[in-house]
PDB file of all heavy atoms in Angstrom:
ATOM      1  N   ASP A   1       2.932-166.881  27.872  1.00  0.00           N
ATOM      2  CA  ASP A   1       1.670-167.526  28.148  1.00  0.00           C
ATOM      3  C   ASP A   1       0.935-166.669  29.155  1.00  0.00           C
ATOM      4  O   ASP A   1       1.435-166.501  30.326  1.00  0.00           O
ATOM      5  CB  ASP A   1       1.983-168.936  28.739  1.00  0.00           C
ATOM      6  CG  ASP A   1       0.751-169.715  29.176  1.00  0.00           C
ATOM      7  OD1 ASP A   1      -0.347-169.110  29.202  1.00  0.00           O
ATOM      8  OD2 ASP A   1       0.904-170.888  29.507  1.00  0.00           O
ATOM      9  N   PRO A   2      -0.248-166.174  28.870  1.00  0.00           N
ATOM     10  CA  PRO A   2      -0.901-165.248  29.748  1.00  0.00           C
ATOM     11  C   PRO A   2      -1.461-165.868  31.038  1.00  0.00           C
ATOM     12  O   PRO A   2      -1.845-165.129  31.939  1.00  0.00           O
ATOM     13  CB  PRO A   2      -2.061-164.602  28.911  1.00  0.00           C
ATOM     14  CG  PRO A   2      -2.347-165.652  27.908  1.00  0.00           C
ATOM     15  CD  PRO A   2      -1.050-166.330  27.603  1.00  0.00           C
ATOM     16  N   VAL A   3      -1.582-167.167  31.076  1.00  0.00           N
ATOM     17  CA  VAL A   3      -2.035-167.799  32.305  1.00  0.00           C
ATOM     18  C   VAL A   3      -0.868-168.216  33.207  1.00  0.00           C
ATOM     19  O   VAL A   3      -1.107-168.775  34.265  1.00  0.00           O
ATOM     20  CB  VAL A   3      -2.981-168.957  32.028  1.00  0.00           C
ATOM     21  CG1 VAL A   3      -4.194-168.488  31.242  1.00  0.00           C
ATOM     22  CG2 VAL A   3      -2.270-170.090  31.253  1.00  0.00           C
ATOM     23  N   ASN A   4       0.354-168.073  32.732  1.00  0.00           N
ATOM     24  CA  ASN A   4       1.542-168.317  33.563  1.00  0.00           C
ATOM     25  C   ASN A   4       1.876-167.030  34.248  1.00  0.00           C
ATOM     26  O   ASN A   4       2.525-166.121  33.682  1.00  0.00           O
ATOM     27  CB  ASN A   4       2.712-168.794  32.631  1.00  0.00           C
ATOM     28  CG  ASN A   4       3.966-169.148  33.426  1.00  0.00           C
ATOM     29  OD1 ASN A   4       4.224-168.564  34.497  1.00  0.00           O
ATOM     30  ND2 ASN A   4       4.732-170.088  32.938  1.00  0.00           N
ATOM     31  N   LEU A   5       1.480-166.889  35.512  1.00  0.00           N
ATOM     32  CA  LEU A   5       1.648-165.639  36.188  1.00  0.00           C
ATOM     33  C   LEU A   5       3.076-165.220  36.451  1.00  0.00           C
ATOM     34  O   LEU A   5       3.421-164.059  36.439  1.00  0.00           O
ATOM     35  CB  LEU A   5       0.854-165.647  37.504  1.00  0.00           C
ATOM     36  CG  LEU A   5      -0.651-165.754  37.336  1.00  0.00           C
ATOM     37  CD1 LEU A   5      -1.334-165.690  38.757  1.00  0.00           C
ATOM     38  CD2 LEU A   5      -1.227-164.678  36.459  1.00  0.00           C
ATOM     39  N   HIS A   6       3.945-166.227  36.567  1.00  0.00           N
ATOM     40  CA  HIS A   6       5.368-165.971  36.720  1.00  0.00           C
ATOM     41  C   HIS A   6       5.908-165.269  35.476  1.00  0.00           C
ATOM     42  O   HIS A   6       6.677-164.278  35.503  1.00  0.00           O
ATOM     43  CB  HIS A   6       6.174-167.207  37.072  1.00  0.00           C
ATOM     44  CG  HIS A   6       7.627-166.952  37.205  1.00  0.00           C
ATOM     45  ND1 HIS A   6       8.204-166.260  38.234  1.00  0.00           N
ATOM     46  CD2 HIS A   6       8.669-167.338  36.390  1.00  0.00           C
ATOM     47  CE1 HIS A   6       9.493-166.200  38.105  1.00  0.00           C
ATOM     48  NE2 HIS A   6       9.836-166.845  36.981  1.00  0.00           N
ATOM     49  N   ALA A   7       5.519-165.841  34.320  1.00  0.00           N
ATOM     50  CA  ALA A   7       5.915-165.263  33.034  1.00  0.00           C
ATOM     51  C   ALA A   7       5.362-163.823  32.795  1.00  0.00           C
ATOM     52  O   ALA A   7       6.033-162.918  32.337  1.00  0.00           O
ATOM     53  CB  ALA A   7       5.495-166.167  31.891  1.00  0.00           C
ATOM     54  N   VAL A   8       4.097-163.634  33.222  1.00  0.00           N
ATOM     55  CA  VAL A   8       3.502-162.342  33.156  1.00  0.00           C
ATOM     56  C   VAL A   8       4.276-161.296  33.989  1.00  0.00           C
ATOM     57  O   VAL A   8       4.593-160.183  33.565  1.00  0.00           O
ATOM     58  CB  VAL A   8       2.022-162.378  33.530  1.00  0.00           C
ATOM     59  CG1 VAL A   8       1.440-160.965  33.673  1.00  0.00           C
ATOM     60  CG2 VAL A   8       1.213-163.170  32.548  1.00  0.00           C
ATOM     61  N   GLU A   9       4.612-161.728  35.206  1.00  0.00           N
ATOM     62  CA  GLU A   9       5.418-160.830  36.117  1.00  0.00           C
ATOM     63  C   GLU A   9       6.757-160.509  35.469  1.00  0.00           C
ATOM     64  O   GLU A   9       7.237-159.389  35.637  1.00  0.00           O
ATOM     65  CB  GLU A   9       5.592-161.502  37.455  1.00  0.00           C
ATOM     66  CG  GLU A   9       4.335-161.661  38.273  1.00  0.00           C
ATOM     67  CD  GLU A   9       3.787-160.309  38.795  1.00  0.00           C
ATOM     68  OE1 GLU A   9       4.615-159.348  38.824  1.00  0.00           O
ATOM     69  OE2 GLU A   9       2.639-160.245  39.091  1.00  0.00           O
ATOM     70  N   ASN A  10       7.338-161.450  34.767  1.00  0.00           N
ATOM     71  CA  ASN A  10       8.638-161.161  34.123  1.00  0.00           C
ATOM     72  C   ASN A  10       8.551-160.059  33.103  1.00  0.00           C
ATOM     73  O   ASN A  10       9.470-159.272  33.005  1.00  0.00           O
ATOM     74  CB  ASN A  10       9.165-162.468  33.465  1.00  0.00           C
ATOM     75  CG  ASN A  10       9.929-163.372  34.430  1.00  0.00           C
ATOM     76  OD1 ASN A  10      10.251-162.916  35.511  1.00  0.00           O
ATOM     77  ND2 ASN A  10      10.106-164.606  34.064  1.00  0.00           N
ATOM     78  N   ILE A  11       7.445-159.989  32.393  1.00  0.00           N
ATOM     79  CA  ILE A  11       7.276-158.931  31.396  1.00  0.00           C
ATOM     80  C   ILE A  11       7.342-157.560  32.105  1.00  0.00           C
ATOM     81  O   ILE A  11       8.007-156.611  31.649  1.00  0.00           O
ATOM     82  CB  ILE A  11       5.992-159.066  30.593  1.00  0.00           C
ATOM     83  CG1 ILE A  11       6.177-160.202  29.522  1.00  0.00           C
ATOM     84  CG2 ILE A  11       5.586-157.761  29.916  1.00  0.00           C
ATOM     85  CD1 ILE A  11       5.050-160.296  28.515  1.00  0.00           C
ATOM     86  N   TYR A  12       6.539-157.409  33.167  1.00  0.00           N
ATOM     87  CA  TYR A  12       6.581-156.167  33.926  1.00  0.00           C
ATOM     88  C   TYR A  12       7.942-155.853  34.437  1.00  0.00           C
ATOM     89  O   TYR A  12       8.373-154.682  34.416  1.00  0.00           O
ATOM     90  CB  TYR A  12       5.582-156.243  35.067  1.00  0.00           C
ATOM     91  CG  TYR A  12       4.122-156.161  34.638  1.00  0.00           C
ATOM     92  CD1 TYR A  12       3.358-157.279  34.445  1.00  0.00           C
ATOM     93  CD2 TYR A  12       3.520-154.893  34.453  1.00  0.00           C
ATOM     94  CE1 TYR A  12       2.037-157.202  34.015  1.00  0.00           C
ATOM     95  CE2 TYR A  12       2.184-154.836  34.036  1.00  0.00           C
ATOM     96  CZ  TYR A  12       1.436-155.976  33.845  1.00  0.00           C
ATOM     97  OH  TYR A  12       0.143-155.879  33.426  1.00  0.00           O
ATOM     98  N   ARG A  13       8.657-156.847  34.860  1.00  0.00           N
ATOM     99  CA  ARG A  13      10.028-156.592  35.369  1.00  0.00           C
ATOM    100  C   ARG A  13      10.962-156.185  34.239  1.00  0.00           C
ATOM    101  O   ARG A  13      11.740-155.229  34.397  1.00  0.00           O
ATOM    102  CB  ARG A  13      10.557-157.882  36.044  1.00  0.00           C
ATOM    103  CG  ARG A  13      11.981-157.732  36.584  1.00  0.00           C
ATOM    104  CD  ARG A  13      12.445-159.098  37.141  1.00  0.00           C
ATOM    105  NE  ARG A  13      12.328-160.195  36.216  1.00  0.00           N
ATOM    106  CZ  ARG A  13      13.184-160.415  35.162  1.00  0.00           C
ATOM    107  NH1 ARG A  13      14.223-159.618  34.987  1.00  0.00           N
ATOM    108  NH2 ARG A  13      12.986-161.442  34.444  1.00  0.00           N
ATOM    109  N   ILE A  14      10.902-156.883  33.108  1.00  0.00           N
ATOM    110  CA  ILE A  14      11.804-156.606  31.978  1.00  0.00           C
ATOM    111  C   ILE A  14      11.590-155.164  31.471  1.00  0.00           C
ATOM    112  O   ILE A  14      12.523-154.458  31.147  1.00  0.00           O
ATOM    113  CB  ILE A  14      11.543-157.611  30.861  1.00  0.00           C
ATOM    114  CG1 ILE A  14      12.103-158.982  31.249  1.00  0.00           C
ATOM    115  CG2 ILE A  14      12.172-157.169  29.523  1.00  0.00           C
ATOM    116  CD1 ILE A  14      11.575-160.155  30.409  1.00  0.00           C
ATOM    117  N   LYS A  15      10.343-154.728  31.335  1.00  0.00           N
ATOM    118  CA  LYS A  15      10.015-153.455  30.785  1.00  0.00           C
ATOM    119  C   LYS A  15      10.023-152.314  31.826  1.00  0.00           C
ATOM    120  O   LYS A  15       9.874-151.176  31.471  1.00  0.00           O
ATOM    121  CB  LYS A  15       8.605-153.504  30.144  1.00  0.00           C
ATOM    122  CG  LYS A  15       8.549-154.238  28.832  1.00  0.00           C
ATOM    123  CD  LYS A  15       7.086-154.293  28.312  1.00  0.00           C
ATOM    124  CE  LYS A  15       6.518-152.916  28.059  1.00  0.00           C
ATOM    125  NZ  LYS A  15       6.988-152.276  26.790  1.00  0.00           N
ATOM    126  N   SER A  16      10.158-152.706  33.101  1.00  0.00           N
ATOM    127  CA  SER A  16       9.961-151.717  34.164  1.00  0.00           C
ATOM    128  C   SER A  16       8.603-151.022  34.006  1.00  0.00           C
ATOM    129  O   SER A  16       8.429-149.835  34.187  1.00  0.00           O
ATOM    130  CB  SER A  16      11.064-150.622  34.140  1.00  0.00           C
ATOM    131  OG  SER A  16      12.356-151.261  34.266  1.00  0.00           O
ATOM    132  N   ARG A  17       7.610-151.842  33.744  1.00  0.00           N
ATOM    133  CA  ARG A  17       6.256-151.384  33.393  1.00  0.00           C
ATOM    134  C   ARG A  17       5.417-151.316  34.716  1.00  0.00           C
ATOM    135  O   ARG A  17       5.541-152.124  35.595  1.00  0.00           O
ATOM    136  CB  ARG A  17       5.587-152.361  32.410  1.00  0.00           C
ATOM    137  CG  ARG A  17       4.179-151.980  31.943  1.00  0.00           C
ATOM    138  CD  ARG A  17       3.679-153.087  31.057  1.00  0.00           C
ATOM    139  NE  ARG A  17       2.269-152.852  30.621  1.00  0.00           N
ATOM    140  CZ  ARG A  17       1.913-152.234  29.506  1.00  0.00           C
ATOM    141  NH1 ARG A  17       2.840-151.737  28.730  1.00  0.00           N
ATOM    142  NH2 ARG A  17       0.655-152.090  29.161  1.00  0.00           N
ATOM    143  N   GLN A  18       4.556-150.286  34.761  1.00  0.00           N
ATOM    144  CA  GLN A  18       3.668-150.158  35.906  1.00  0.00           C
ATOM    145  C   GLN A  18       2.678-151.306  35.973  1.00  0.00           C
ATOM    146  O   GLN A  18       2.069-151.666  34.956  1.00  0.00           O
ATOM    147  CB  GLN A  18       2.901-148.811  35.791  1.00  0.00           C
ATOM    148  CG  GLN A  18       3.757-147.588  35.892  1.00  0.00           C
ATOM    149  CD  GLN A  18       2.987-146.316  35.668  1.00  0.00           C
ATOM    150  OE1 GLN A  18       1.919-146.309  35.078  1.00  0.00           O
ATOM    151  NE2 GLN A  18       3.519-145.207  36.106  1.00  0.00           N
ATOM    152  N   LYS A  19       2.522-151.901  37.121  1.00  0.00           N
ATOM    153  CA  LYS A  19       1.754-153.145  37.216  1.00  0.00           C
ATOM    154  C   LYS A  19       0.237-152.947  37.131  1.00  0.00           C
ATOM    155  O   LYS A  19      -0.504-153.903  37.006  1.00  0.00           O
ATOM    156  CB  LYS A  19       2.074-153.880  38.528  1.00  0.00           C
ATOM    157  CG  LYS A  19       3.541-154.357  38.495  1.00  0.00           C
ATOM    158  CD  LYS A  19       3.790-155.376  39.579  1.00  0.00           C
ATOM    159  CE  LYS A  19       5.208-155.953  39.466  1.00  0.00           C
ATOM    160  NZ  LYS A  19       5.494-156.969  40.475  1.00  0.00           N
ATOM    161  N   GLN A  20      -0.239-151.677  37.140  1.00  0.00           N
ATOM    162  CA  GLN A  20      -1.660-151.492  36.952  1.00  0.00           C
ATOM    163  C   GLN A  20      -2.033-151.356  35.462  1.00  0.00           C
ATOM    164  O   GLN A  20      -3.201-151.174  35.127  1.00  0.00           O
ATOM    165  CB  GLN A  20      -2.163-150.248  37.676  1.00  0.00           C
ATOM    166  CG  GLN A  20      -1.628-148.893  37.173  1.00  0.00           C
ATOM    167  CD  GLN A  20      -0.316-148.499  37.876  1.00  0.00           C
ATOM    168  OE1 GLN A  20       0.470-149.336  38.304  1.00  0.00           O
ATOM    169  NE2 GLN A  20      -0.123-147.179  37.949  1.00  0.00           N
ATOM    170  N   LYS A  21      -0.997-151.434  34.606  1.00  0.00           N
ATOM    171  CA  LYS A  21      -1.290-151.363  33.122  1.00  0.00           C
ATOM    172  C   LYS A  21      -1.428-152.768  32.552  1.00  0.00           C
ATOM    173  O   LYS A  21      -0.486-153.499  32.577  1.00  0.00           O
ATOM    174  CB  LYS A  21      -0.167-150.612  32.414  1.00  0.00           C
ATOM    175  CG  LYS A  21      -0.001-149.161  32.861  1.00  0.00           C
ATOM    176  CD  LYS A  21       1.112-148.467  32.172  1.00  0.00           C
ATOM    177  CE  LYS A  21       0.825-148.302  30.681  1.00  0.00           C
ATOM    178  NZ  LYS A  21       1.912-147.444  30.015  1.00  0.00           N
ATOM    179  N   PRO A  22      -2.620-153.121  32.059  1.00  0.00           N
ATOM    180  CA  PRO A  22      -2.824-154.514  31.564  1.00  0.00           C
ATOM    181  C   PRO A  22      -2.063-154.729  30.283  1.00  0.00           C
ATOM    182  O   PRO A  22      -1.709-153.806  29.573  1.00  0.00           O
ATOM    183  CB  PRO A  22      -4.350-154.589  31.355  1.00  0.00           C
ATOM    184  CG  PRO A  22      -4.802-153.154  31.151  1.00  0.00           C
ATOM    185  CD  PRO A  22      -3.874-152.320  32.017  1.00  0.00           C
ATOM    186  N   LEU A  23      -1.837-155.990  29.952  1.00  0.00           N
ATOM    187  CA  LEU A  23      -1.132-156.408  28.761  1.00  0.00           C
ATOM    188  C   LEU A  23      -2.157-156.785  27.687  1.00  0.00           C
ATOM    189  O   LEU A  23      -3.163-157.447  28.021  1.00  0.00           O
ATOM    190  CB  LEU A  23      -0.269-157.613  29.047  1.00  0.00           C
ATOM    191  CG  LEU A  23       0.797-157.414  30.123  1.00  0.00           C
ATOM    192  CD1 LEU A  23       1.509-158.725  30.384  1.00  0.00           C
ATOM    193  CD2 LEU A  23       1.812-156.339  29.760  1.00  0.00           C
ATOM    194  N   SER A  24      -1.899-156.399  26.480  1.00  0.00           N
ATOM    195  CA  SER A  24      -2.815-156.824  25.409  1.00  0.00           C
ATOM    196  C   SER A  24      -2.443-158.245  24.948  1.00  0.00           C
ATOM    197  O   SER A  24      -1.342-158.713  25.161  1.00  0.00           O
ATOM    198  CB  SER A  24      -2.735-155.846  24.222  1.00  0.00           C
ATOM    199  OG  SER A  24      -1.409-155.806  23.702  1.00  0.00           O
ATOM    200  N   LEU A  25      -3.425-158.910  24.304  1.00  0.00           N
ATOM    201  CA  LEU A  25      -3.251-160.289  23.865  1.00  0.00           C
ATOM    202  C   LEU A  25      -3.449-160.447  22.388  1.00  0.00           C
ATOM    203  O   LEU A  25      -4.357-159.782  21.792  1.00  0.00           O
ATOM    204  CB  LEU A  25      -4.271-161.236  24.580  1.00  0.00           C
ATOM    205  CG  LEU A  25      -4.164-161.280  26.108  1.00  0.00           C
ATOM    206  CD1 LEU A  25      -5.210-162.257  26.627  1.00  0.00           C
ATOM    207  CD2 LEU A  25      -2.787-161.717  26.593  1.00  0.00           C
ATOM    208  N   LEU A  26      -2.649-161.240  21.742  1.00  0.00           N
ATOM    209  CA  LEU A  26      -2.822-161.577  20.326  1.00  0.00           C
ATOM    210  C   LEU A  26      -3.598-162.893  20.243  1.00  0.00           C
ATOM    211  O   LEU A  26      -3.280-163.872  20.991  1.00  0.00           O
ATOM    212  CB  LEU A  26      -1.476-161.778  19.636  1.00  0.00           C
ATOM    213  CG  LEU A  26      -0.600-160.508  19.570  1.00  0.00           C
ATOM    214  CD1 LEU A  26       0.681-160.812  18.782  1.00  0.00           C
ATOM    215  CD2 LEU A  26      -1.315-159.338  18.925  1.00  0.00           C
ATOM    216  N   ILE A  27      -4.590-162.943  19.378  1.00  0.00           N
ATOM    217  CA  ILE A  27      -5.409-164.133  19.177  1.00  0.00           C
ATOM    218  C   ILE A  27      -5.452-164.475  17.687  1.00  0.00           C
ATOM    219  O   ILE A  27      -4.863-163.734  16.901  1.00  0.00           O
ATOM    220  CB  ILE A  27      -6.853-163.886  19.718  1.00  0.00           C
ATOM    221  CG1 ILE A  27      -7.488-162.668  19.008  1.00  0.00           C
ATOM    222  CG2 ILE A  27      -6.873-163.705  21.215  1.00  0.00           C
ATOM    223  CD1 ILE A  27      -8.890-162.404  19.389  1.00  0.00           C
ATOM    224  N   ALA A  28      -6.031-165.625  17.355  1.00  0.00           N
ATOM    225  CA  ALA A  28      -6.000-166.099  15.982  1.00  0.00           C
ATOM    226  C   ALA A  28      -7.396-166.018  15.350  1.00  0.00           C
ATOM    227  O   ALA A  28      -7.489-166.163  14.093  1.00  0.00           O
ATOM    228  CB  ALA A  28      -5.479-167.534  15.957  1.00  0.00           C
ATOM    229  N   SER A  29      -8.476-165.808  16.124  1.00  0.00           N
ATOM    230  CA  SER A  29      -9.813-165.854  15.506  1.00  0.00           C
ATOM    231  C   SER A  29     -10.813-165.092  16.380  1.00  0.00           C
ATOM    232  O   SER A  29     -10.564-164.868  17.573  1.00  0.00           O
ATOM    233  CB  SER A  29     -10.295-167.270  15.350  1.00  0.00           C
ATOM    234  OG  SER A  29     -10.481-167.868  16.610  1.00  0.00           O
TER     235      SER A  29
END
């Protein structure tokens, strides 16, 4: 969920991803 900041932080932690790199979003329309 992109508005759940704790979940967003978890992605950066899991991937060891640089925090200045934004995440892309999938949408339906």
